[in-house]
Structure formats: C-alpha cells, structure tokens
Amino acid sequence: MTTKQQDKGAGGDGDRPARRVTLTQVMRGAAKQLGELLGCEAVSVSAVKSTREGWAADVEIVEVERIPETTSVMASYHVQLDKGGEITGYERTRRYTRGQTDRQ
C-alpha cells in the first residue's frame, strides 16, 4: 500500500498522483503487517482512525494459543500507519485472556 507510485517506464514522467487508501485496506493491512512482524495471528481490528500523519489502529493479536481457546493469551496493540497504510510504529497496550471481558 503506497501513496506514490513511480512510473519509470517508457514515456513515464516520474511520480503519478497518490492513490487513495480505503478504510478497509488500512484495517486489513494493519492486521496483516502486525501479525507478520510479531509472528502471531491477528484476529481483529477494534479501532481505526485517520490522523495527520496517516492512520492509527488498535489490533487484537493471539500471543499464546491454549486449549480451551478461552484461556489463550491475547494482546491489544496500538499501531501507527503512514498515509499509504504501512506500519511506522506499534506498542502493546493490554494483555488478557480471550475469555476475559472489560468491566465498566
């Protein structure tokens, strides 16, 4: 997912206009990229929003799979992405078991 594409073929005049990255592409890209970086399964994106720098997303990851599944160790990661949807940084914000719910 890049915002600028180089057109260096015959008759190409350099940079073409940036293509628009959709919310769906950002969500899928954030989950896929973070899963690949961590070597874990990304199971969902719980939040995503546009920022000045690009995008921010919260991704849920399975850190340790256990049986039964409700005891698997999960983690929430806050991910920063550039305008093209590429991860520029991330941090783990929470760890919990899959069967756990937040109390409010």
Protein backbone atom coordinates (compact mmCIF):
# COMPACT_ATOMS: atom_id res chain seq x y z
CA MET A 1 0.00 0.00 0.00
CA THR A 2 1.87 3.04 -1.20
CA THR A 3 0.65 6.54 -1.79
CA LYS A 4 3.03 7.32 -4.65
CA GLN A 5 3.94 5.07 -7.49
CA GLN A 6 6.98 5.58 -9.67
CA ASP A 7 6.31 5.40 -13.39
CA LYS A 8 9.75 4.89 -14.91
CA GLY A 9 8.64 3.01 -17.99
CA ALA A 10 8.87 4.37 -21.50
CA GLY A 11 7.25 7.77 -21.65
CA GLY A 12 6.86 7.90 -17.86
CA ASP A 13 7.15 11.31 -16.28
CA GLY A 14 8.06 10.41 -12.69
CA ASP A 15 5.54 10.40 -9.86
CA ARG A 16 1.92 9.67 -10.54
CA PRO A 17 -0.77 11.07 -8.23
CA ALA A 18 -1.24 9.21 -4.95
CA ARG A 19 -3.97 6.61 -4.96
CA ARG A 20 -6.49 6.76 -2.15
CA VAL A 21 -6.20 4.08 0.54
CA THR A 22 -9.59 2.93 1.84
CA LEU A 23 -10.52 2.25 5.45
CA THR A 24 -10.95 -1.44 4.61
CA GLN A 25 -7.44 -1.59 3.11
CA VAL A 26 -5.99 0.09 6.20
CA MET A 27 -7.76 -2.34 8.56
CA ARG A 28 -6.66 -5.42 6.62
CA GLY A 29 -3.15 -4.07 6.13
CA ALA A 30 -2.67 -3.20 9.80
CA ALA A 31 -3.72 -6.69 10.92
CA LYS A 32 -1.64 -8.48 8.28
CA GLN A 33 1.51 -6.42 8.79
CA LEU A 34 1.44 -6.57 12.59
CA GLY A 35 0.80 -10.32 12.52
CA GLU A 36 3.80 -10.77 10.23
CA LEU A 37 6.03 -8.56 12.39
CA LEU A 38 5.14 -10.40 15.60
CA GLY A 39 4.82 -13.87 14.13
CA CYS A 40 1.34 -14.17 15.67
CA GLU A 41 -2.23 -14.33 14.41
CA ALA A 42 -4.07 -11.00 14.19
CA VAL A 43 -7.73 -11.75 14.91
CA SER A 44 -9.39 -8.34 14.65
CA VAL A 45 -9.04 -4.59 14.37
CA SER A 46 -11.01 -2.98 17.19
CA ALA A 47 -10.45 0.66 16.18
CA VAL A 48 -9.11 2.68 13.28
CA LYS A 49 -8.99 6.42 12.59
CA SER A 50 -7.23 8.84 10.30
CA THR A 51 -4.55 11.11 11.76
CA ARG A 52 -2.43 13.97 10.44
CA GLU A 53 0.40 11.54 9.74
CA GLY A 54 -1.80 8.82 8.24
CA TRP A 55 -3.74 6.29 10.32
CA ALA A 56 -3.94 4.78 13.82
CA ALA A 57 -5.43 1.37 14.59
CA ASP A 58 -5.90 -1.00 17.53
CA VAL A 59 -5.23 -4.61 16.56
CA GLU A 60 -6.01 -7.72 18.64
CA ILE A 61 -3.37 -10.46 18.49
CA VAL A 62 -3.27 -14.06 19.78
CA GLU A 63 0.08 -14.15 21.61
CA VAL A 64 -0.20 -17.66 23.12
CA GLU A 65 -2.72 -20.22 21.86
CA ARG A 66 -4.12 -22.54 24.51
CA ILE A 67 -6.82 -25.17 24.83
CA PRO A 68 -9.56 -24.33 25.58
CA GLU A 69 -9.45 -21.19 23.40
CA THR A 70 -10.94 -19.06 26.18
CA THR A 71 -7.60 -19.35 28.01
CA SER A 72 -5.47 -18.15 25.05
CA VAL A 73 -3.37 -15.07 25.81
CA MET A 74 -4.46 -12.07 23.75
CA ALA A 75 -2.94 -8.61 23.38
CA SER A 76 -4.11 -5.24 22.08
CA TYR A 77 -1.60 -3.24 20.06
CA HIS A 78 -1.86 0.42 19.09
CA VAL A 79 -0.44 0.75 15.58
CA GLN A 80 0.60 3.89 13.68
CA LEU A 81 0.50 3.77 9.89
CA ASP A 82 1.56 6.25 7.23
CA LYS A 83 -0.87 7.64 4.65
CA GLY A 84 -0.21 4.66 2.40
CA GLY A 85 -1.15 2.18 5.14
CA GLU A 86 2.38 0.98 6.02
CA ILE A 87 3.16 0.46 9.71
CA THR A 88 5.53 3.06 11.14
CA GLY A 89 5.29 2.02 14.80
CA TYR A 90 3.37 -0.06 17.33
CA GLU A 91 3.08 -0.69 21.06
CA ARG A 92 1.32 -3.29 23.18
CA THR A 93 -1.33 -1.60 25.32
CA ARG A 94 -3.03 -4.55 27.02
CA ARG A 95 -2.69 -8.30 27.67
CA TYR A 96 -5.63 -10.52 28.64
CA THR A 97 -7.14 -13.98 28.25
CA ARG A 98 -9.53 -14.49 25.34
CA GLY A 99 -12.49 -15.23 27.63
CA GLN A 100 -11.98 -12.03 29.66
CA THR A 101 -14.28 -9.03 29.22
CA ASP A 102 -13.76 -5.45 30.37
CA ARG A 103 -15.71 -4.25 33.37
CA GLN A 104 -17.22 -0.79 33.08
